[in-house]
Protein backbone atom coordinates (compact mmCIF):
# COMPACT_ATOMS: atom_id res chain seq x y z
CA MET A 1 0.10 0.08 0.02
CA THR A 2 2.70 2.36 0.78
CA ALA A 3 4.28 2.07 -2.71
CA ARG A 4 0.85 2.94 -4.57
CA LEU A 5 0.63 6.20 -2.10
CA ASP A 6 3.99 7.34 -2.81
CA THR A 7 3.43 6.82 -6.42
CA ILE A 8 -0.22 8.86 -5.99
CA ARG A 9 1.55 11.59 -3.73
CA THR A 10 4.31 12.49 -6.47
CA ALA A 11 1.25 12.61 -9.47
CA ARG A 12 -0.23 14.72 -6.44
CA HIS A 13 3.12 16.99 -6.12
CA GLY A 14 3.93 17.42 -10.23
CA PHE A 15 0.50 18.26 -10.73
CA VAL A 16 0.14 21.31 -8.53
CA ASP A 17 3.09 22.38 -10.10
CA THR A 18 2.68 22.41 -12.87
CA VAL A 19 -1.27 24.43 -12.09
CA GLU A 20 1.42 26.79 -10.00
CA GLY A 21 3.13 27.23 -13.04
CA LEU A 22 0.52 28.69 -15.32
CA THR A 23 -0.46 31.55 -16.12
CA GLU A 24 -3.96 32.97 -15.78
CA ALA A 25 -4.52 32.35 -18.75
CA GLU A 26 -3.34 29.01 -19.28
CA PHE A 27 -5.43 27.94 -16.04
CA ASP A 28 -8.91 28.73 -16.67
CA HIS A 29 -8.37 27.86 -21.25
CA GLY A 30 -5.69 25.63 -20.94
CA THR A 31 -5.30 21.84 -22.67
CA THR A 32 -5.61 19.11 -21.00
CA LEU A 33 -5.30 15.31 -21.01
CA CYS A 34 -9.51 15.66 -20.69
CA SER A 35 -10.39 17.84 -24.14
CA ALA A 36 -13.94 19.64 -22.40
CA TRP A 37 -11.96 20.95 -19.27
CA ALA A 38 -9.82 23.39 -18.57
CA PRO A 39 -6.59 22.67 -15.93
CA ARG A 40 -9.29 25.05 -13.25
CA ASP A 41 -11.93 21.18 -14.23
CA VAL A 42 -9.48 19.28 -13.60
CA LEU A 43 -8.68 20.50 -10.51
CA ALA A 44 -11.74 21.16 -8.93
CA HIS A 45 -12.77 17.58 -10.13
CA LEU A 46 -9.57 16.37 -7.79
CA ILE A 47 -10.15 18.55 -5.06
CA GLY A 48 -14.39 16.90 -5.45
CA THR A 49 -13.02 13.85 -5.10
CA ALA A 50 -10.40 14.51 -2.16
CA GLU A 51 -12.96 15.82 -0.18
CA ALA A 52 -16.20 13.13 -0.77
CA LEU A 53 -12.94 10.46 -0.07
CA GLY A 54 -12.47 12.31 3.22
CA LEU A 55 -16.18 11.56 3.75
CA TRP A 56 -15.81 8.51 3.47
CA LEU A 57 -13.34 7.50 5.18
CA GLY A 58 -15.13 9.17 8.47
CA GLY A 59 -11.94 10.09 10.33
CA ARG A 60 -9.88 6.75 9.61
CA THR A 61 -7.30 7.45 7.00
CA VAL A 62 -6.22 5.30 4.22
CA SER A 63 -3.66 3.07 5.61
CA ASP A 64 -7.01 1.65 8.17
CA VAL A 65 -9.07 0.89 5.11
CA GLN A 66 -8.73 -2.16 3.36
CA ILE A 67 -8.93 -1.32 -0.64
CA GLY A 68 -9.33 -4.53 -3.24
C-alpha cells in the first residue's frame, strides 16, 4: 500500500507544480488530457474527489481501510 500511496503523492505534487506554473489564461483555458476540461476544471474535480474520500473515510486514514 505504501508504494501505491507514494505514487499517488508524487503524481499530485507534479500536478500542483504544473498548475502553479500556469498563467491565469492557461489555468482558465489551457488544454488537458480531458479535452473538454481546462486545468481549472481538473483541479476542481480533484478537490471534490478528495473531499468525498474524506467523508467516506469518516476520520479513518487510507491505511485503516482495506481497498481491493
